[in-house]
Amino acid sequence: ALVIAVLAVGVLHTAVPDHWLPIALISRQRGWSTAQTARAAAVAGVGHTVSTLLIAIALWAAGVAFATRFGSAVDLVASLALIAFGAWVAIGALREIHDEDHAHESDPDSSLGHAHLHRHSGGLEHVHWHTHDPKEWHEIPGDVAVAPPLHDHEHDTTGRTSLLLVLGSSPMVEGIPAFFAASRFGAGLIAVMAVVFSLATIGTYVALCVAASRGVQRTHFGPLERYGEVISGSFIAALGLGFLLLR
């Protein structure tokens, strides 16, 4: 029964949107492949699992009463972190758009349009040219020589992705009581529960992130596409605010 309990907790807790939806949204805006999304989700799942098991050990030593108070604090911090992360993404994207618009204003030739050179971790993936009329936007092959003005957008995922994975690594306090209950049955049962919990959490993380990212990849904002990252960041912040209000 305890093994089934941690299996259910691992799946159901990870299924809450504040875990997988931010990764799916960032995956869309950064142009991650399925493999890149799966790796990010797996790292978040591993962090989630390891932090839970370590906190379970610490709380077992501190006592159940402290564990209850700790769980409430974790929920609060997780919600605030989502709000902060979403706001950071949205504000950063707005600044990039502002800088790009300022560059266009200082270059009269930019009124004709411009090309975006998108680089990802695997190298150059695509280039697209567009005028400032959204109806005329189209993609061209990545190895085609394009005339200036050319905007080279290096997809800097290091800082933002690191923060996102930290958000995914908060401990899952709902599963800790089951480990407390199993302590009287010996280390063998606890080890089995830890393995089941880990596989359930990481597997659910990867499955939901990949499935959701495929869905949002097909979502197009039309004329608002250039504000896609602003929209994604705002949605992540709203998600955190919603969970904060529902606590």
C-alpha atoms as a PDB file:
ATOM      1  CA  ALA A   1       0.000   0.000   0.000  1.00  0.00           C
ATOM      2  CA  LEU A   2       2.836   2.399   0.798  1.00  0.00           C
ATOM      3  CA  VAL A   3       4.526   1.675  -2.531  1.00  0.00           C
ATOM      4  CA  ILE A   4       1.269   2.408  -4.362  1.00  0.00           C
ATOM      5  CA  ALA A   5       0.886   5.582  -2.304  1.00  0.00           C
ATOM      6  CA  VAL A   6       4.263   7.025  -3.354  1.00  0.00           C
ATOM      7  CA  LEU A   7       3.585   5.973  -6.964  1.00  0.00           C
ATOM      8  CA  ALA A   8       0.293   7.893  -6.934  1.00  0.00           C
ATOM      9  CA  VAL A   9       1.856  10.911  -5.237  1.00  0.00           C
ATOM     10  CA  GLY A  10       4.706  10.992  -7.743  1.00  0.00           C
ATOM     11  CA  VAL A  11       2.328  10.982 -10.710  1.00  0.00           C
ATOM     12  CA  LEU A  12      -0.444  13.215  -9.355  1.00  0.00           C
ATOM     13  CA  HIS A  13       1.816  15.868  -7.846  1.00  0.00           C
ATOM     14  CA  THR A  14       3.930  16.151 -10.993  1.00  0.00           C
ATOM     15  CA  ALA A  15       0.753  16.429 -13.085  1.00  0.00           C
ATOM     16  CA  VAL A  16      -0.020  19.812 -11.491  1.00  0.00           C
ATOM     17  CA  PRO A  17       0.583  22.452 -14.220  1.00  0.00           C
ATOM     18  CA  ASP A  18       3.055  24.535 -12.214  1.00  0.00           C
ATOM     19  CA  HIS A  19       5.608  21.755 -12.764  1.00  0.00           C
ATOM     20  CA  TRP A  20       5.475  20.978 -16.487  1.00  0.00           C
ATOM     21  CA  LEU A  21       3.782  23.987 -18.098  1.00  0.00           C
ATOM     22  CA  PRO A  22       6.664  26.460 -17.543  1.00  0.00           C
ATOM     23  CA  ILE A  23       9.087  24.035 -19.201  1.00  0.00           C
ATOM     24  CA  ALA A  24       6.702  23.529 -22.127  1.00  0.00           C
ATOM     25  CA  LEU A  25       6.311  27.288 -22.647  1.00  0.00           C
ATOM     26  CA  ILE A  26      10.041  27.983 -22.470  1.00  0.00           C
ATOM     27  CA  SER A  27      10.603  25.049 -24.828  1.00  0.00           C
ATOM     28  CA  ARG A  28       8.420  26.765 -27.423  1.00  0.00           C
ATOM     29  CA  GLN A  29      10.072  30.149 -27.094  1.00  0.00           C
ATOM     30  CA  ARG A  30      13.603  28.719 -27.187  1.00  0.00           C
ATOM     31  CA  GLY A  31      12.858  26.390 -30.088  1.00  0.00           C
ATOM     32  CA  TRP A  32      13.952  23.278 -28.185  1.00  0.00           C
ATOM     33  CA  SER A  33      13.785  19.914 -29.888  1.00  0.00           C
ATOM     34  CA  THR A  34      11.870  17.034 -28.298  1.00  0.00           C
ATOM     35  CA  ALA A  35      15.151  15.620 -26.986  1.00  0.00           C
ATOM     36  CA  GLN A  36      16.141  18.954 -25.420  1.00  0.00           C
ATOM     37  CA  THR A  37      12.737  19.279 -23.772  1.00  0.00           C
ATOM     38  CA  ALA A  38      12.929  15.723 -22.468  1.00  0.00           C
ATOM     39  CA  ARG A  39      16.402  16.329 -21.036  1.00  0.00           C
ATOM     40  CA  ALA A  40      15.292  19.516 -19.277  1.00  0.00           C
ATOM     41  CA  ALA A  41      12.261  17.715 -17.850  1.00  0.00           C
ATOM     42  CA  ALA A  42      14.400  14.777 -16.726  1.00  0.00           C
ATOM     43  CA  VAL A  43      16.837  17.089 -14.920  1.00  0.00           C
ATOM     44  CA  ALA A  44      13.919  18.845 -13.227  1.00  0.00           C
ATOM     45  CA  GLY A  45      12.436  15.471 -12.266  1.00  0.00           C
ATOM     46  CA  VAL A  46      15.730  14.227 -10.844  1.00  0.00           C
ATOM     47  CA  GLY A  47      16.138  17.435  -8.846  1.00  0.00           C
ATOM     48  CA  HIS A  48      12.565  17.134  -7.603  1.00  0.00           C
ATOM     49  CA  THR A  49      13.167  13.547  -6.509  1.00  0.00           C
ATOM     50  CA  VAL A  50      16.555  14.067  -4.871  1.00  0.00           C
ATOM     51  CA  SER A  51      15.421  17.162  -2.969  1.00  0.00           C
ATOM     52  CA  THR A  52      12.335  15.300  -1.712  1.00  0.00           C
ATOM     53  CA  LEU A  53      14.344  12.335  -0.440  1.00  0.00           C
ATOM     54  CA  LEU A  54      16.941  14.562   1.229  1.00  0.00           C
ATOM     55  CA  ILE A  55      14.279  16.700   2.877  1.00  0.00           C
ATOM     56  CA  ALA A  56      12.460  13.545   4.015  1.00  0.00           C
ATOM     57  CA  ILE A  57      15.592  12.438   5.856  1.00  0.00           C
ATOM     58  CA  ALA A  58      16.038  15.860   7.443  1.00  0.00           C
ATOM     59  CA  LEU A  59      12.389  16.112   8.474  1.00  0.00           C
ATOM     60  CA  TRP A  60      12.394  12.583   9.855  1.00  0.00           C
ATOM     61  CA  ALA A  61      15.134  13.732  12.207  1.00  0.00           C
ATOM     62  CA  ALA A  62      13.308  16.989  13.035  1.00  0.00           C
ATOM     63  CA  GLY A  63       9.869  15.471  13.630  1.00  0.00           C
ATOM     64  CA  VAL A  64       6.440  15.343  11.981  1.00  0.00           C
ATOM     65  CA  ALA A  65       5.195  18.627  13.471  1.00  0.00           C
ATOM     66  CA  PHE A  66       8.004  20.542  11.793  1.00  0.00           C
ATOM     67  CA  ALA A  67       7.332  18.688   8.532  1.00  0.00           C
ATOM     68  CA  THR A  68       3.771  20.071   8.437  1.00  0.00           C
ATOM     69  CA  ARG A  69       4.956  23.666   8.853  1.00  0.00           C
ATOM     70  CA  PHE A  70       7.739  23.114   6.333  1.00  0.00           C
ATOM     71  CA  GLY A  71       5.286  21.911   3.668  1.00  0.00           C
ATOM     72  CA  SER A  72       3.302  25.148   3.847  1.00  0.00           C
ATOM     73  CA  ALA A  73       6.472  27.221   3.510  1.00  0.00           C
ATOM     74  CA  VAL A  74       7.600  25.237   0.442  1.00  0.00           C
ATOM     75  CA  ASP A  75       4.277  25.880  -1.326  1.00  0.00           C
ATOM     76  CA  LEU A  76       4.592  29.612  -0.646  1.00  0.00           C
ATOM     77  CA  VAL A  77       8.179  29.806  -1.899  1.00  0.00           C
ATOM     78  CA  ALA A  78       7.350  27.769  -5.027  1.00  0.00           C
ATOM     79  CA  SER A  79       4.467  30.102  -5.929  1.00  0.00           C
ATOM     80  CA  LEU A  80       6.567  33.228  -5.387  1.00  0.00           C
ATOM     81  CA  ALA A  81       9.411  31.728  -7.422  1.00  0.00           C
ATOM     82  CA  LEU A  82       7.065  31.078 -10.364  1.00  0.00           C
ATOM     83  CA  ILE A  83       5.808  34.659 -10.210  1.00  0.00           C
ATOM     84  CA  ALA A  84       9.355  36.020 -10.113  1.00  0.00           C
ATOM     85  CA  PHE A  85      10.553  33.769 -12.928  1.00  0.00           C
ATOM     86  CA  GLY A  86       7.609  34.590 -15.187  1.00  0.00           C
ATOM     87  CA  ALA A  87       8.038  38.315 -14.567  1.00  0.00           C
ATOM     88  CA  TRP A  88      11.762  38.054 -15.312  1.00  0.00           C
ATOM     89  CA  VAL A  89      11.126  36.290 -18.625  1.00  0.00           C
ATOM     90  CA  ALA A  90       8.423  38.774 -19.670  1.00  0.00           C
ATOM     91  CA  ILE A  91      10.414  41.875 -18.696  1.00  0.00           C
ATOM     92  CA  GLY A  92      13.570  40.562 -20.366  1.00  0.00           C
ATOM     93  CA  ALA A  93      11.643  39.880 -23.571  1.00  0.00           C
ATOM     94  CA  LEU A  94      10.092  43.355 -23.521  1.00  0.00           C
ATOM     95  CA  ARG A  95      13.543  44.884 -23.196  1.00  0.00           C
ATOM     96  CA  GLU A  96      14.796  42.885 -26.170  1.00  0.00           C
ATOM     97  CA  ILE A  97      11.821  44.041 -28.246  1.00  0.00           C
ATOM     98  CA  HIS A  98      12.416  47.643 -27.180  1.00  0.00           C
ATOM     99  CA  ASP A  99      16.097  47.431 -28.122  1.00  0.00           C
ATOM    100  CA  GLU A 100      15.215  45.908 -31.495  1.00  0.00           C
ATOM    101  CA  ASP A 101      12.646  48.621 -32.221  1.00  0.00           C
ATOM    102  CA  HIS A 102      15.185  51.279 -31.251  1.00  0.00           C
ATOM    103  CA  ALA A 103      17.710  49.749 -33.646  1.00  0.00           C
ATOM    104  CA  HIS A 104      15.127  49.826 -36.430  1.00  0.00           C
ATOM    105  CA  GLU A 105      14.386  53.491 -35.786  1.00  0.00           C
ATOM    106  CA  SER A 106      18.084  54.375 -36.012  1.00  0.00           C
ATOM    107  CA  ASP A 107      18.466  52.482 -39.309  1.00  0.00           C
ATOM    108  CA  PRO A 108      16.196  53.841 -42.078  1.00  0.00           C
ATOM    109  CA  ASP A 109      16.819  50.765 -44.230  1.00  0.00           C
ATOM    110  CA  SER A 110      15.256  48.579 -41.563  1.00  0.00           C
ATOM    111  CA  SER A 111      11.806  49.736 -42.696  1.00  0.00           C
ATOM    112  CA  LEU A 112      12.199  47.326 -45.579  1.00  0.00           C
ATOM    113  CA  GLY A 113      12.296  44.435 -43.155  1.00  0.00           C
ATOM    114  CA  HIS A 114      14.963  42.296 -41.569  1.00  0.00           C
ATOM    115  CA  ALA A 115      16.190  38.757 -41.122  1.00  0.00           C
ATOM    116  CA  HIS A 116      16.326  36.795 -37.890  1.00  0.00           C
ATOM    117  CA  LEU A 117      19.190  34.336 -37.558  1.00  0.00           C
ATOM    118  CA  HIS A 118      18.238  31.743 -34.941  1.00  0.00           C
ATOM    119  CA  ARG A 119      20.981  29.694 -33.340  1.00  0.00           C
ATOM    120  CA  HIS A 120      20.315  26.864 -30.911  1.00  0.00           C
ATOM    121  CA  SER A 121      22.601  24.548 -28.982  1.00  0.00           C
ATOM    122  CA  GLY A 122      23.107  22.345 -32.034  1.00  0.00           C
ATOM    123  CA  GLY A 123      24.146  25.224 -34.292  1.00  0.00           C
ATOM    124  CA  LEU A 124      22.282  27.245 -36.923  1.00  0.00           C
ATOM    125  CA  GLU A 125      18.803  25.860 -37.425  1.00  0.00           C
ATOM    126  CA  HIS A 126      16.943  28.434 -39.472  1.00  0.00           C
ATOM    127  CA  VAL A 127      16.807  31.971 -40.756  1.00  0.00           C
ATOM    128  CA  HIS A 128      13.648  33.870 -41.515  1.00  0.00           C
ATOM    129  CA  TRP A 129      13.142  37.187 -43.227  1.00  0.00           C
ATOM    130  CA  HIS A 130      10.143  39.361 -42.748  1.00  0.00           C
ATOM    131  CA  THR A 131       8.980  42.810 -43.621  1.00  0.00           C
ATOM    132  CA  HIS A 132       7.110  44.728 -41.006  1.00  0.00           C
ATOM    133  CA  ASP A 133       3.861  43.462 -42.494  1.00  0.00           C
ATOM    134  CA  PRO A 134       3.050  40.180 -40.685  1.00  0.00           C
ATOM    135  CA  LYS A 135       1.184  38.914 -43.775  1.00  0.00           C
ATOM    136  CA  GLU A 136       4.467  38.778 -45.696  1.00  0.00           C
ATOM    137  CA  TRP A 137       6.535  36.854 -43.129  1.00  0.00           C
ATOM    138  CA  HIS A 138       8.082  33.655 -44.397  1.00  0.00           C
ATOM    139  CA  GLU A 139      10.955  31.323 -43.596  1.00  0.00           C
ATOM    140  CA  ILE A 140      13.993  30.751 -45.804  1.00  0.00           C
ATOM    141  CA  PRO A 141      16.654  28.005 -45.600  1.00  0.00           C
ATOM    142  CA  GLY A 142      19.327  28.422 -42.942  1.00  0.00           C
ATOM    143  CA  ASP A 143      22.279  28.383 -45.341  1.00  0.00           C
ATOM    144  CA  VAL A 144      21.005  31.199 -47.565  1.00  0.00           C
ATOM    145  CA  ALA A 145      23.092  34.389 -47.581  1.00  0.00           C
ATOM    146  CA  VAL A 146      20.984  37.312 -46.438  1.00  0.00           C
ATOM    147  CA  ALA A 147      21.665  41.000 -46.785  1.00  0.00           C
ATOM    148  CA  PRO A 148      21.783  43.370 -43.813  1.00  0.00           C
ATOM    149  CA  PRO A 149      20.143  44.343 -41.571  1.00  0.00           C
ATOM    150  CA  LEU A 150      20.635  40.968 -39.913  1.00  0.00           C
ATOM    151  CA  HIS A 151      19.726  40.339 -36.284  1.00  0.00           C
ATOM    152  CA  ASP A 152      21.592  37.439 -34.715  1.00  0.00           C
ATOM    153  CA  HIS A 153      19.525  36.047 -31.843  1.00  0.00           C
ATOM    154  CA  GLU A 154      21.679  33.721 -29.765  1.00  0.00           C
ATOM    155  CA  HIS A 155      19.213  31.720 -27.714  1.00  0.00           C
ATOM    156  CA  ASP A 156      20.782  32.193 -24.319  1.00  0.00           C
ATOM    157  CA  THR A 157      19.201  29.396 -22.329  1.00  0.00           C
ATOM    158  CA  THR A 158      21.776  29.089 -19.574  1.00  0.00           C
ATOM    159  CA  GLY A 159      20.467  31.582 -17.023  1.00  0.00           C
ATOM    160  CA  ARG A 160      16.760  31.210 -17.622  1.00  0.00           C
ATOM    161  CA  THR A 161      16.857  27.439 -18.017  1.00  0.00           C
ATOM    162  CA  SER A 162      18.888  27.094 -14.828  1.00  0.00           C
ATOM    163  CA  LEU A 163      16.296  29.080 -12.915  1.00  0.00           C
ATOM    164  CA  LEU A 164      13.495  27.035 -14.442  1.00  0.00           C
ATOM    165  CA  LEU A 165      15.133  23.798 -13.377  1.00  0.00           C
ATOM    166  CA  VAL A 166      15.587  25.168  -9.870  1.00  0.00           C
ATOM    167  CA  LEU A 167      11.843  25.813  -9.755  1.00  0.00           C
ATOM    168  CA  GLY A 168      11.253  22.217 -10.772  1.00  0.00           C
ATOM    169  CA  SER A 169      13.532  20.963  -8.037  1.00  0.00           C
ATOM    170  CA  SER A 170      11.477  22.003  -5.016  1.00  0.00           C
ATOM    171  CA  PRO A 171      10.743  19.050  -2.717  1.00  0.00           C
ATOM    172  CA  MET A 172       7.472  17.118  -3.028  1.00  0.00           C
ATOM    173  CA  VAL A 173       6.376  17.234   0.604  1.00  0.00           C
ATOM    174  CA  GLU A 174       3.180  15.235  -0.024  1.00  0.00           C
ATOM    175  CA  GLY A 175       5.193  12.052  -0.424  1.00  0.00           C
ATOM    176  CA  ILE A 176       7.225  12.441   2.750  1.00  0.00           C
ATOM    177  CA  PRO A 177       4.619  11.029   5.231  1.00  0.00           C
ATOM    178  CA  ALA A 178       4.612   7.717   3.342  1.00  0.00           C
ATOM    179  CA  PHE A 179       8.351   7.387   3.903  1.00  0.00           C
ATOM    180  CA  PHE A 180       7.829   8.181   7.578  1.00  0.00           C
ATOM    181  CA  ALA A 181       5.276   5.366   7.807  1.00  0.00           C
ATOM    182  CA  ALA A 182       7.622   2.932   6.053  1.00  0.00           C
ATOM    183  CA  SER A 183      10.491   3.556   8.463  1.00  0.00           C
ATOM    184  CA  ARG A 184       9.246   0.892  10.894  1.00  0.00           C
ATOM    185  CA  PHE A 185       9.348  -1.767   8.148  1.00  0.00           C
ATOM    186  CA  GLY A 186      13.038  -1.392   7.453  1.00  0.00           C
ATOM    187  CA  ALA A 187      15.415   0.058   4.896  1.00  0.00           C
ATOM    188  CA  GLY A 188      14.440  -2.449   2.185  1.00  0.00           C
ATOM    189  CA  LEU A 189      10.903  -1.097   1.817  1.00  0.00           C
ATOM    190  CA  ILE A 190      12.126   2.489   1.931  1.00  0.00           C
ATOM    191  CA  ALA A 191      14.590   1.747  -0.889  1.00  0.00           C
ATOM    192  CA  VAL A 192      11.853   0.193  -3.048  1.00  0.00           C
ATOM    193  CA  MET A 193       9.579   3.170  -2.391  1.00  0.00           C
ATOM    194  CA  ALA A 194      12.372   5.582  -3.295  1.00  0.00           C
ATOM    195  CA  VAL A 195      12.944   3.839  -6.644  1.00  0.00           C
ATOM    196  CA  VAL A 196       9.220   3.734  -7.476  1.00  0.00           C
ATOM    197  CA  PHE A 197       8.780   7.355  -6.446  1.00  0.00           C
ATOM    198  CA  SER A 198      11.753   8.432  -8.566  1.00  0.00           C
ATOM    199  CA  LEU A 199      10.603   6.592 -11.697  1.00  0.00           C
ATOM    200  CA  ALA A 200       7.030   7.868 -11.334  1.00  0.00           C
ATOM    201  CA  THR A 201       8.123  11.477 -10.847  1.00  0.00           C
ATOM    202  CA  ILE A 202      10.741  11.615 -13.601  1.00  0.00           C
ATOM    203  CA  GLY A 203       8.616   9.629 -16.067  1.00  0.00           C
ATOM    204  CA  THR A 204       5.591  11.876 -15.527  1.00  0.00           C
ATOM    205  CA  TYR A 205       7.728  14.998 -15.813  1.00  0.00           C
ATOM    206  CA  VAL A 206       9.197  13.938 -19.152  1.00  0.00           C
ATOM    207  CA  ALA A 207       5.910  12.654 -20.610  1.00  0.00           C
ATOM    208  CA  LEU A 208       3.899  15.755 -19.728  1.00  0.00           C
ATOM    209  CA  CYS A 209       6.582  18.249 -20.763  1.00  0.00           C
ATOM    210  CA  VAL A 210       7.122  16.592 -24.148  1.00  0.00           C
ATOM    211  CA  ALA A 211       3.387  16.248 -24.827  1.00  0.00           C
ATOM    212  CA  ALA A 212       2.649  19.823 -23.772  1.00  0.00           C
ATOM    213  CA  SER A 213       5.565  21.277 -25.731  1.00  0.00           C
ATOM    214  CA  ARG A 214       4.326  19.568 -28.894  1.00  0.00           C
ATOM    215  CA  GLY A 215       0.947  21.149 -28.320  1.00  0.00           C
ATOM    216  CA  VAL A 216       2.220  24.674 -27.731  1.00  0.00           C
ATOM    217  CA  GLN A 217       4.614  24.400 -30.696  1.00  0.00           C
ATOM    218  CA  ARG A 218       1.496  24.343 -32.893  1.00  0.00           C
ATOM    219  CA  THR A 219       0.148  27.481 -31.236  1.00  0.00           C
ATOM    220  CA  HIS A 220       0.658  30.669 -33.237  1.00  0.00           C
ATOM    221  CA  PHE A 221       0.053  34.180 -31.968  1.00  0.00           C
ATOM    222  CA  GLY A 222      -0.217  35.762 -35.425  1.00  0.00           C
ATOM    223  CA  PRO A 223       0.784  39.451 -35.326  1.00  0.00           C
ATOM    224  CA  LEU A 224       1.596  38.992 -31.619  1.00  0.00           C
ATOM    225  CA  GLU A 225       4.213  36.322 -32.351  1.00  0.00           C
ATOM    226  CA  ARG A 226       7.070  38.712 -31.553  1.00  0.00           C
ATOM    227  CA  TYR A 227       5.529  39.027 -28.090  1.00  0.00           C
ATOM    228  CA  GLY A 228       5.394  35.257 -27.635  1.00  0.00           C
ATOM    229  CA  GLU A 229       7.993  35.209 -24.868  1.00  0.00           C
ATOM    230  CA  VAL A 230       6.267  38.096 -23.099  1.00  0.00           C
ATOM    231  CA  ILE A 231       3.000  36.160 -23.231  1.00  0.00           C
ATOM    232  CA  SER A 232       4.674  32.983 -21.980  1.00  0.00           C
ATOM    233  CA  GLY A 233       6.380  34.780 -19.095  1.00  0.00           C
ATOM    234  CA  SER A 234       3.153  36.524 -18.124  1.00  0.00           C
ATOM    235  CA  PHE A 235       1.297  33.214 -18.168  1.00  0.00           C
ATOM    236  CA  ILE A 236       3.926  31.578 -15.932  1.00  0.00           C
ATOM    237  CA  ALA A 237       3.666  34.478 -13.464  1.00  0.00           C
ATOM    238  CA  ALA A 238      -0.138  34.236 -13.523  1.00  0.00           C
ATOM    239  CA  LEU A 239       0.138  30.506 -12.870  1.00  0.00           C
ATOM    240  CA  GLY A 240       2.254  31.165  -9.782  1.00  0.00           C
ATOM    241  CA  LEU A 241      -0.163  33.866  -8.616  1.00  0.00           C
ATOM    242  CA  GLY A 242      -3.083  31.483  -9.040  1.00  0.00           C
ATOM    243  CA  PHE A 243      -1.456  28.812  -6.888  1.00  0.00           C
ATOM    244  CA  LEU A 244      -0.517  31.461  -4.325  1.00  0.00           C
ATOM    245  CA  LEU A 245      -4.142  32.597  -4.026  1.00  0.00           C
ATOM    246  CA  LEU A 246      -5.422  29.011  -3.839  1.00  0.00           C
ATOM    247  CA  ARG A 247      -3.114  28.037  -0.975  1.00  0.00           C
END
